[in-house]
Amino acid sequence: MLKETIPENVQYKSVMILDSSLRPYVGRAAFKEWTPREAFMRGFRRSAKIIAILFILPLPLAFMEPFAFMAWGSLTLGGLILVLGPYLHLKYWGESRSFFFVDGECPHCHASGRLNPYISTAFLEEFT
């Protein structure tokens, strides 16, 4: 979802890649184990990026109807900061091992290469 630079001290482990019919393909995942401080800061940075993007999106509507925006905009932006922000931070903070890519065969097109995460970066033994 968000482009992330690959940190130092990345470890590699053999994993299974599963396609939609659950056929296994062998791959090698690059992952990192985070210290508690690194996990906290990473959770803050990732959630701040998402909240900043979502915060900026409705701002042009404030120029079209400023008085209505004061009502629904304050609720929307407040919800982003007070509800979604802490939720995302706790979600990313709890990720003690994250993967960055899997070297292997694509289950759909059967091309060898680097498979990047789409939404979740949590490290698992099997990737679907």
Protein backbone atom coordinates (compact mmCIF):
# COMPACT_ATOMS: atom_id res chain seq x y z
CA MET A 1 0.00 0.00 0.00
CA LEU A 2 2.69 2.46 0.98
CA LYS A 3 6.14 2.21 -0.51
CA GLU A 4 8.62 1.38 2.20
CA THR A 5 12.39 1.33 2.00
CA ILE A 6 14.00 -1.98 2.82
CA PRO A 7 15.91 -1.63 6.11
CA GLU A 8 19.28 -3.05 7.03
CA ASN A 9 19.68 -6.50 8.60
CA VAL A 10 16.97 -8.16 6.52
CA GLN A 11 16.68 -11.91 7.05
CA TYR A 12 15.51 -14.49 4.50
CA LYS A 13 13.36 -17.55 5.05
CA SER A 14 11.75 -20.15 2.79
CA VAL A 15 7.96 -19.78 2.60
CA MET A 16 5.05 -21.23 0.63
CA ILE A 17 3.08 -19.10 -1.82
CA LEU A 18 -0.49 -20.31 -2.37
CA ASP A 19 -2.64 -19.46 -5.37
CA SER A 20 -6.45 -19.32 -5.39
CA SER A 21 -6.72 -23.10 -5.75
CA LEU A 22 -4.23 -23.58 -2.87
CA ARG A 23 -1.42 -24.96 -5.04
CA PRO A 24 1.89 -24.35 -3.24
CA TYR A 25 4.85 -22.55 -4.77
CA VAL A 26 8.19 -22.22 -3.02
CA GLY A 27 9.51 -18.73 -2.32
CA ARG A 28 12.00 -16.88 -0.18
CA ALA A 29 10.71 -14.02 1.96
CA ALA A 30 12.76 -11.04 3.13
CA PHE A 31 11.66 -10.04 6.62
CA LYS A 32 12.84 -8.09 9.63
CA GLU A 33 12.26 -8.61 13.32
CA TRP A 34 11.57 -5.26 14.96
CA THR A 35 12.74 -4.19 18.39
CA PRO A 36 9.94 -2.69 20.53
CA ARG A 37 11.22 0.84 19.87
CA GLU A 38 11.51 0.27 16.10
CA ALA A 39 8.02 -1.25 16.01
CA PHE A 40 6.59 1.75 17.88
CA MET A 41 8.19 4.29 15.54
CA ARG A 42 7.33 2.27 12.44
CA GLY A 43 3.69 2.06 13.57
CA PHE A 44 3.62 5.81 14.12
CA ARG A 45 5.16 6.62 10.71
CA ARG A 46 2.96 4.24 8.73
CA SER A 47 -0.26 5.35 10.43
CA ALA A 48 0.72 9.03 10.08
CA LYS A 49 1.21 8.60 6.32
CA ILE A 50 -2.23 7.07 5.89
CA ILE A 51 -3.96 9.61 8.14
CA ALA A 52 -2.22 12.52 6.37
CA ILE A 53 -3.45 11.32 2.98
CA LEU A 54 -7.00 10.81 4.25
CA PHE A 55 -6.86 14.18 6.05
CA ILE A 56 -5.95 16.07 2.87
CA LEU A 57 -8.58 14.44 0.61
CA PRO A 58 -11.71 16.25 1.92
CA LEU A 59 -10.05 19.67 2.30
CA PRO A 60 -10.97 20.92 -1.20
CA LEU A 61 -14.63 20.49 -0.24
CA ALA A 62 -14.11 23.11 2.47
CA PHE A 63 -13.85 25.77 -0.24
CA MET A 64 -17.06 24.66 -1.94
CA GLU A 65 -19.29 24.70 1.14
CA PRO A 66 -17.38 26.05 4.16
CA PHE A 67 -20.24 26.10 6.65
CA ALA A 68 -21.37 22.55 5.97
CA PHE A 69 -17.74 21.47 6.05
CA MET A 70 -17.43 22.89 9.56
CA ALA A 71 -20.04 20.36 10.71
CA TRP A 72 -19.29 17.17 8.77
CA GLY A 73 -15.63 17.99 8.20
CA SER A 74 -14.89 18.36 11.88
CA LEU A 75 -16.56 15.02 12.59
CA THR A 76 -14.73 13.31 9.74
CA LEU A 77 -11.31 14.75 10.52
CA GLY A 78 -11.80 14.23 14.25
CA GLY A 79 -12.71 10.60 13.61
CA LEU A 80 -9.61 10.15 11.49
CA ILE A 81 -7.32 11.52 14.16
CA LEU A 82 -9.03 10.18 17.29
CA VAL A 83 -10.26 6.78 16.08
CA LEU A 84 -8.51 5.60 12.93
CA GLY A 85 -5.09 7.01 13.85
CA PRO A 86 -4.72 5.11 17.15
CA TYR A 87 -6.24 1.98 15.59
CA LEU A 88 -3.69 1.95 12.75
CA HIS A 89 -0.84 2.77 15.11
CA LEU A 90 -1.69 -0.15 17.38
CA LYS A 91 -2.11 -2.45 14.37
CA TYR A 92 1.30 -1.59 12.92
CA TRP A 93 2.97 -1.41 16.34
CA GLY A 94 1.87 -4.98 17.08
CA GLU A 95 3.64 -6.25 13.95
CA SER A 96 6.84 -7.67 15.43
CA ARG A 97 7.97 -9.31 12.16
CA SER A 98 7.33 -7.71 8.79
CA PHE A 99 8.12 -8.91 5.31
CA PHE A 100 9.09 -6.67 2.44
CA PHE A 101 9.01 -8.98 -0.56
CA VAL A 102 8.95 -12.63 -1.55
CA ASP A 103 11.29 -13.94 -4.25
CA GLY A 104 9.42 -16.65 -6.09
CA GLU A 105 7.11 -17.62 -8.90
CA CYS A 106 3.94 -15.60 -9.34
CA PRO A 107 0.97 -17.97 -8.89
CA HIS A 108 -1.05 -16.19 -11.59
CA CYS A 109 1.38 -15.50 -14.46
CA HIS A 110 4.13 -17.98 -13.42
CA ALA A 111 6.88 -15.39 -13.88
CA SER A 112 9.78 -15.46 -11.45
CA GLY A 113 10.50 -12.26 -9.61
CA ARG A 114 9.89 -10.17 -6.54
CA LEU A 115 6.35 -10.27 -5.14
CA ASN A 116 5.53 -7.19 -3.03
CA PRO A 117 2.92 -6.99 -0.26
CA TYR A 118 -0.40 -5.41 -1.15
CA ILE A 119 -2.08 -4.61 2.15
CA SER A 120 -0.67 -6.62 5.03
CA THR A 121 3.06 -6.85 5.69
CA ALA A 122 2.76 -9.31 8.60
CA PHE A 123 5.19 -12.20 8.19
CA LEU A 124 3.50 -15.59 7.80
CA GLU A 125 4.68 -19.07 6.89
CA GLU A 126 2.21 -19.20 3.96
CA PHE A 127 1.33 -16.31 1.67
CA THR A 128 -1.86 -16.28 -0.38
